[in-house]
Amino acid sequence: MVGVRSDTVPRQRDAAPAGDQEGGRHVRPRDPGGRTDIPGDVIEKAAAKAVGEVSGARAARSRAARARISGEVVLLRLRIEVSYPRPALQVARAVREHVKGRIEWITGKQVHHIDIEIAELVR
């Protein structure tokens, strides 16, 4: 019956062992699912990269981002450089919004808050 929904889960076919051939094509084992861990240093690198995507801002040279992860929640601390004479508060606001969206999109975790330190004004 094509296109009919059922409340029962269909019985899974047994997957052939890895590397076996079935009918002339390669068969891969099913993904058993599981957990994906994203270390803090990966989130820090992604956040620092996202800072550079905002006009008038770039990540500070040393320790530009620090991340603390608690379950599905991320807390970030960023050190940025702002191009002079851009308004520092507007640039910081744009950085906060962009980094929040980018990290949530990349990791699937919720960014609770982002502390921003303006380390330097640069020409």
Protein backbone atom coordinates (compact mmCIF):
# COMPACT_ATOMS: atom_id res chain seq x y z
CA MET A 1 0.00 0.00 0.00
CA VAL A 2 1.74 3.09 -1.20
CA GLY A 3 1.22 6.32 0.73
CA VAL A 4 -0.59 4.74 3.68
CA ARG A 5 0.53 5.65 7.18
CA SER A 6 0.61 3.18 10.01
CA ASP A 7 1.03 3.47 13.76
CA THR A 8 3.44 0.56 13.73
CA VAL A 9 7.11 0.70 12.89
CA PRO A 10 8.00 -1.44 9.88
CA ARG A 11 10.34 -4.35 10.46
CA GLN A 12 13.90 -3.49 9.50
CA ARG A 13 15.73 -5.61 6.99
CA ASP A 14 18.97 -7.14 8.19
CA ALA A 15 21.89 -5.17 6.80
CA ALA A 16 24.68 -7.16 5.24
CA PRO A 17 28.06 -6.97 7.01
CA ALA A 18 30.22 -3.98 6.01
CA GLY A 19 31.78 -4.37 2.61
CA ASP A 20 29.36 -7.08 1.40
CA GLN A 21 27.84 -6.90 -2.03
CA GLU A 22 24.12 -7.28 -2.59
CA GLY A 23 22.89 -7.53 -6.15
CA GLY A 24 26.10 -6.00 -7.50
CA ARG A 25 26.04 -2.88 -5.31
CA HIS A 26 27.89 -2.00 -2.11
CA VAL A 27 25.75 -2.16 1.04
CA ARG A 28 26.69 -0.05 4.08
CA PRO A 29 25.56 -0.92 7.59
CA ARG A 30 22.86 1.25 9.15
CA ASP A 31 23.87 4.17 11.35
CA PRO A 32 23.08 3.13 14.93
CA GLY A 33 22.59 6.75 16.01
CA GLY A 34 24.18 8.09 19.15
CA ARG A 35 25.57 11.26 20.63
CA THR A 36 27.68 13.95 18.99
CA ASP A 37 30.04 15.93 21.21
CA ILE A 38 31.36 19.32 20.10
CA PRO A 39 34.37 20.38 22.18
CA GLY A 40 34.65 23.94 23.47
CA ASP A 41 37.72 24.70 21.35
CA VAL A 42 35.75 23.93 18.18
CA ILE A 43 33.01 26.35 19.25
CA GLU A 44 35.67 28.94 20.12
CA LYS A 45 37.22 28.72 16.65
CA ALA A 46 33.80 28.97 14.99
CA ALA A 47 32.92 32.02 17.12
CA ALA A 48 36.22 33.76 16.31
CA LYS A 49 35.67 33.10 12.61
CA ALA A 50 32.11 34.46 12.84
CA VAL A 51 33.39 37.70 14.42
CA GLY A 52 35.44 38.33 11.27
CA GLU A 53 32.28 38.03 9.14
CA VAL A 54 30.89 41.24 10.70
CA SER A 55 31.79 44.52 9.02
CA GLY A 56 34.00 46.67 11.25
CA ALA A 57 35.05 43.87 13.61
CA ARG A 58 37.67 41.19 13.82
CA ALA A 59 38.74 38.74 16.48
CA ALA A 60 41.51 39.88 18.83
CA ARG A 61 44.92 38.34 18.21
CA SER A 62 45.13 36.35 21.42
CA ARG A 63 42.42 34.17 22.94
CA ALA A 64 39.64 35.79 20.91
CA ALA A 65 36.89 33.47 22.13
CA ARG A 66 36.18 31.36 25.18
CA ALA A 67 33.27 28.97 25.39
CA ARG A 68 31.65 27.22 28.32
CA ILE A 69 29.26 24.43 27.49
CA SER A 70 26.62 23.11 29.86
CA GLY A 71 24.54 20.44 28.17
CA GLU A 72 22.82 22.13 25.24
CA VAL A 73 23.66 25.68 26.40
CA VAL A 74 26.73 27.68 25.33
CA LEU A 75 28.14 30.73 27.12
CA LEU A 76 30.63 32.80 25.11
CA ARG A 77 33.19 35.46 25.92
CA LEU A 78 34.64 37.31 22.93
CA ARG A 79 37.58 39.71 22.60
CA ILE A 80 37.21 41.83 19.48
CA GLU A 81 38.89 44.69 17.66
CA VAL A 82 36.68 47.43 16.25
CA SER A 83 37.59 49.52 13.19
CA TYR A 84 37.98 53.21 14.04
CA PRO A 85 35.80 55.39 13.80
CA ARG A 86 32.91 52.89 13.80
CA PRO A 87 30.52 53.10 16.79
CA ALA A 88 31.75 50.41 19.19
CA LEU A 89 28.31 49.64 20.66
CA GLN A 90 26.73 49.12 17.23
CA VAL A 91 29.58 46.86 16.11
CA ALA A 92 29.39 44.87 19.36
CA ARG A 93 25.62 44.47 18.94
CA ALA A 94 26.08 43.25 15.35
CA VAL A 95 28.81 40.82 16.47
CA ARG A 96 26.60 39.46 19.26
CA GLU A 97 23.65 38.84 16.93
CA HIS A 98 25.76 37.31 14.15
CA VAL A 99 27.85 35.05 16.39
CA LYS A 100 24.76 33.85 18.27
CA GLY A 101 23.00 32.89 15.04
CA ARG A 102 26.09 31.29 13.52
CA ILE A 103 26.97 29.16 16.57
CA GLU A 104 23.37 28.02 17.04
CA TRP A 105 23.20 27.09 13.35
CA ILE A 106 26.54 25.22 13.36
CA THR A 107 26.18 23.36 16.66
CA GLY A 108 22.44 23.08 17.24
CA LYS A 109 23.04 24.30 20.80
CA GLN A 110 21.45 27.39 22.38
CA VAL A 111 23.71 30.39 23.00
CA HIS A 112 22.56 31.75 26.35
CA HIS A 113 24.61 34.94 26.37
CA ILE A 114 27.74 36.50 24.90
CA ASP A 115 30.08 38.79 26.83
CA ILE A 116 32.10 41.08 24.54
CA GLU A 117 35.33 42.84 25.45
CA ILE A 118 36.50 45.48 22.99
CA ALA A 119 40.23 44.88 23.15
CA GLU A 120 41.34 47.50 20.65
CA LEU A 121 40.28 50.18 18.17
CA VAL A 122 42.15 49.73 14.89
CA ARG A 123 42.52 51.85 11.79
